[in-house]
Amino acid sequence: MAARNAYRRKAVFDMDAPLAQAARCLDIWLEEEGRRLPPRQKQKAAALIARYFLYEDCVTDALIMSFLRHYAGFRAIDMDDPASVRHALKTVLDQSVPAEPLPPSFSSRAYVVAAAVFLCLFLAALYFRPAPAAATITPAQQAALKARVQIITTLDKTATPAAVWAALKQPYAVRSYKYLPAAEYAAAKSFLDDWIARLERAGAAQASLGARM
């Protein structure tokens, strides 16, 4: 009878020890992971852990913790356990993604931006650059025209200097003969020379007519 009771106490002790060990390891794992379980779920999990290792010999806390950590995603790699190493390697390799071109460095981007800005400024300067002012006649050319105007007013008493200058400036839309474009000097000079030639011819014809009379 005493032997039977001792056997029963030993059987009860053997049944409670794995549960206590599983519950202890489960508490440690929950704290590591920052998780919690309701009491009923915690008891059920501890019972399942104990059942999982029921037929294992020399079940240590380290073995149960390794099992729980593997369940959590192999966060703690057991280098002596090929399955742990294999699972950890697979997890890492699964995180690989197709290679993409590296973004340009900051200096490269700055160079490209600076080049684009410079190009825009250069094009804007070309577009908005004012047209260069046309060169005007020189003082010597002004004097030559002025002398011809004086000749015209001398030959034609009805012509005033203002009228002659107005006729000369009209094609060029300038306020003063001093602003005549240098490129138009030859045309302006020819205009006055032709005027003088007509007056001289008219004067010569009139003188010849007077002599005959």
Protein backbone atom coordinates (compact mmCIF):
# COMPACT_ATOMS: atom_id res chain seq x y z
CA MET A 1 0.00 0.00 0.00
CA ALA A 2 2.81 2.40 0.93
CA ALA A 3 4.67 1.49 -2.25
CA ARG A 4 1.56 2.22 -4.31
CA ASN A 5 1.14 5.66 -2.68
CA ALA A 6 4.79 6.46 -3.33
CA TYR A 7 4.37 5.48 -6.95
CA ARG A 8 1.32 7.73 -7.21
CA ARG A 9 3.22 10.69 -5.63
CA LYS A 10 6.11 10.09 -8.04
CA ALA A 11 3.68 9.93 -10.97
CA VAL A 12 2.02 13.21 -9.86
CA PHE A 13 5.47 14.87 -9.49
CA ASP A 14 6.52 13.66 -12.92
CA MET A 15 3.36 15.10 -14.48
CA ASP A 16 3.59 18.50 -12.75
CA ALA A 17 7.29 19.11 -13.40
CA PRO A 18 7.04 19.39 -17.22
CA LEU A 19 4.03 21.72 -16.89
CA ALA A 20 5.89 23.94 -14.42
CA GLN A 21 8.97 23.97 -16.62
CA ALA A 22 6.90 24.81 -19.71
CA ALA A 23 5.05 27.59 -17.86
CA ARG A 24 8.35 29.04 -16.58
CA CYS A 25 9.90 29.10 -20.04
CA LEU A 26 6.69 30.50 -21.53
CA ASP A 27 6.77 33.42 -19.05
CA ILE A 28 10.37 34.17 -19.98
CA TRP A 29 9.55 34.10 -23.69
CA LEU A 30 6.49 36.33 -23.29
CA GLU A 31 8.61 38.89 -21.44
CA GLU A 32 11.29 38.79 -24.13
CA GLU A 33 8.72 39.33 -26.86
CA GLY A 34 6.73 41.93 -24.96
CA ARG A 35 3.58 39.84 -25.22
CA ARG A 36 0.90 38.59 -22.85
CA LEU A 37 -1.62 35.75 -22.75
CA PRO A 38 -4.82 35.39 -20.76
CA PRO A 39 -4.43 32.85 -17.90
CA ARG A 40 -6.48 30.15 -19.65
CA GLN A 41 -4.53 30.54 -22.88
CA LYS A 42 -1.23 30.53 -20.98
CA GLN A 43 -2.18 27.26 -19.25
CA LYS A 44 -3.16 25.73 -22.56
CA ALA A 45 0.11 26.85 -24.20
CA ALA A 46 2.15 25.44 -21.30
CA ALA A 47 0.30 22.12 -21.56
CA LEU A 48 0.95 21.96 -25.29
CA ILE A 49 4.66 22.66 -24.75
CA ALA A 50 4.87 19.95 -22.12
CA ARG A 51 3.07 17.56 -24.44
CA TYR A 52 5.43 18.43 -27.30
CA PHE A 53 8.45 17.42 -25.21
CA LEU A 54 6.71 14.52 -23.45
CA TYR A 55 8.88 11.83 -24.98
CA GLU A 56 12.14 13.82 -25.05
CA ASP A 57 14.92 12.84 -22.68
CA CYS A 58 16.71 15.47 -20.60
CA VAL A 59 14.40 18.33 -21.52
CA THR A 60 16.19 21.51 -20.35
CA ASP A 61 14.96 25.09 -20.13
CA ALA A 62 17.42 25.97 -22.90
CA LEU A 63 15.79 23.45 -25.22
CA ILE A 64 12.30 24.82 -24.58
CA MET A 65 13.52 28.42 -24.95
CA SER A 66 15.17 27.52 -28.25
CA PHE A 67 11.87 26.04 -29.43
CA LEU A 68 9.92 29.17 -28.42
CA ARG A 69 12.45 31.52 -29.97
CA HIS A 70 12.37 29.55 -33.18
CA TYR A 71 8.62 29.91 -33.14
CA ALA A 72 9.06 33.70 -32.83
CA GLY A 73 10.96 33.77 -36.10
CA PHE A 74 14.40 32.49 -35.19
CA ARG A 75 15.36 35.79 -33.58
CA ALA A 76 17.97 33.99 -31.53
CA ILE A 77 20.00 31.76 -33.83
CA ASP A 78 21.30 28.53 -32.36
CA MET A 79 24.51 27.94 -34.32
CA ASP A 80 24.58 24.33 -33.13
CA ASP A 81 21.15 23.66 -34.58
CA PRO A 82 21.24 23.22 -38.39
CA ALA A 83 17.49 23.81 -38.63
CA SER A 84 17.85 27.14 -36.81
CA VAL A 85 20.71 28.25 -39.07
CA ARG A 86 18.87 27.12 -42.21
CA HIS A 87 15.68 28.94 -41.22
CA ALA A 88 17.60 32.12 -40.33
CA LEU A 89 19.42 32.04 -43.68
CA LYS A 90 16.15 31.57 -45.57
CA THR A 91 14.61 34.48 -43.69
CA VAL A 92 17.51 36.76 -44.64
CA LEU A 93 17.60 35.68 -48.29
CA ASP A 94 13.83 36.10 -48.64
CA GLN A 95 14.31 39.77 -47.81
CA SER A 96 16.41 40.33 -50.94
CA VAL A 97 14.85 42.45 -53.69
CA PRO A 98 15.71 43.03 -57.36
CA ALA A 99 18.68 45.32 -57.72
CA GLU A 100 17.87 48.85 -58.85
CA PRO A 101 20.20 51.60 -60.10
CA LEU A 102 21.63 53.58 -57.24
CA PRO A 103 20.33 57.14 -56.97
CA PRO A 104 22.86 59.75 -58.04
CA SER A 105 24.98 61.19 -55.28
CA PHE A 106 24.25 64.64 -53.90
CA SER A 107 27.25 66.13 -55.70
CA SER A 108 26.11 64.66 -59.02
CA ARG A 109 22.58 66.00 -58.54
CA ALA A 110 23.96 69.41 -57.60
CA TYR A 111 26.13 69.43 -60.73
CA VAL A 112 23.18 68.56 -62.96
CA VAL A 113 20.97 71.20 -61.34
CA ALA A 114 23.69 73.85 -61.63
CA ALA A 115 24.24 73.00 -65.29
CA ALA A 116 20.49 73.22 -65.99
CA VAL A 117 20.22 76.59 -64.22
CA PHE A 118 23.23 77.93 -66.11
CA LEU A 119 21.75 76.79 -69.43
CA CYS A 120 18.40 78.44 -68.62
CA LEU A 121 20.11 81.71 -67.69
CA PHE A 122 22.21 81.61 -70.86
CA LEU A 123 19.16 81.04 -73.08
CA ALA A 124 17.22 83.75 -71.26
CA ALA A 125 20.07 86.20 -71.74
CA LEU A 126 20.12 85.44 -75.47
CA TYR A 127 16.35 85.77 -75.77
CA PHE A 128 15.93 88.97 -73.76
CA ARG A 129 19.17 90.65 -74.83
CA PRO A 130 18.35 94.07 -76.28
CA ALA A 131 19.24 94.60 -79.88
CA PRO A 132 22.51 96.45 -80.20
CA ALA A 133 22.09 100.13 -81.04
CA ALA A 134 22.91 100.94 -84.65
CA ALA A 135 26.01 103.05 -85.08
CA THR A 136 25.25 106.62 -86.11
CA ILE A 137 27.12 108.89 -88.51
CA THR A 138 30.34 110.46 -87.33
CA PRO A 139 30.84 114.20 -86.70
CA ALA A 140 32.76 114.45 -90.00
CA GLN A 141 29.84 112.87 -91.85
CA GLN A 142 27.44 115.22 -90.06
CA ALA A 143 29.51 118.18 -91.25
CA ALA A 144 29.49 116.87 -94.82
CA LEU A 145 25.69 116.61 -94.85
CA LYS A 146 25.30 119.99 -93.21
CA ALA A 147 27.48 121.56 -95.93
CA ARG A 148 25.28 120.06 -98.62
CA VAL A 149 22.11 121.35 -96.96
CA GLN A 150 23.68 124.81 -96.91
CA ILE A 151 24.42 124.53 -100.63
CA ILE A 152 20.80 123.58 -101.34
CA THR A 153 19.41 126.55 -99.40
CA THR A 154 21.87 128.81 -101.22
CA LEU A 155 20.82 127.54 -104.64
CA ASP A 156 17.10 127.47 -103.80
CA LYS A 157 15.98 130.60 -101.94
CA THR A 158 12.58 129.00 -101.25
CA ALA A 159 14.11 126.02 -99.42
CA THR A 160 14.73 126.37 -95.71
CA PRO A 161 17.25 124.25 -93.74
CA ALA A 162 14.40 122.75 -91.70
CA ALA A 163 12.58 121.66 -94.85
CA VAL A 164 15.69 120.10 -96.34
CA TRP A 165 16.52 118.25 -93.09
CA ALA A 166 12.90 117.05 -92.81
CA ALA A 167 13.02 115.59 -96.31
CA LEU A 168 16.35 113.90 -95.52
CA LYS A 169 15.23 112.39 -92.16
CA GLN A 170 11.78 111.19 -93.27
CA PRO A 171 12.85 107.76 -94.64
CA TYR A 172 14.86 106.99 -91.50
CA ALA A 173 12.40 108.14 -88.78
CA VAL A 174 15.04 109.93 -86.69
CA ARG A 175 14.67 113.09 -84.59
CA SER A 176 17.91 114.64 -85.81
CA TYR A 177 20.28 114.15 -88.70
CA LYS A 178 22.92 113.35 -86.05
CA TYR A 179 21.09 110.04 -85.39
CA LEU A 180 21.17 108.86 -88.98
CA PRO A 181 22.48 105.25 -89.12
CA ALA A 182 26.06 105.10 -90.34
CA ALA A 183 25.00 102.44 -92.84
CA GLU A 184 22.62 104.99 -94.43
CA TYR A 185 25.16 107.79 -94.76
CA ALA A 186 25.93 107.00 -98.39
CA ALA A 187 22.22 107.04 -99.30
CA ALA A 188 21.62 110.31 -97.43
CA LYS A 189 24.64 111.92 -99.08
CA SER A 190 23.48 110.72 -102.51
CA PHE A 191 19.99 112.14 -101.80
CA LEU A 192 21.43 115.62 -101.12
CA ASP A 193 23.90 115.42 -104.02
CA ASP A 194 21.05 114.63 -106.42
CA TRP A 195 19.09 117.57 -105.04
CA ILE A 196 22.08 119.84 -105.56
CA ALA A 197 22.58 118.49 -109.08
CA ARG A 198 18.94 119.23 -110.00
CA LEU A 199 19.21 122.75 -108.67
CA GLU A 200 22.47 123.35 -110.52
CA ARG A 201 20.96 122.05 -113.75
CA ALA A 202 17.91 124.23 -113.26
CA GLY A 203 20.10 127.22 -112.54
CA ALA A 204 22.26 126.59 -115.58
CA ALA A 205 19.21 126.25 -117.80
CA GLN A 206 17.76 129.49 -116.51
CA ALA A 207 21.06 131.32 -117.02
CA SER A 208 21.28 130.02 -120.59
CA LEU A 209 17.76 131.19 -121.31
CA GLY A 210 18.51 134.66 -119.95
CA ALA A 211 21.62 134.94 -122.10
CA ARG A 212 19.69 134.17 -125.26
CA MET A 213 17.14 136.75 -124.43
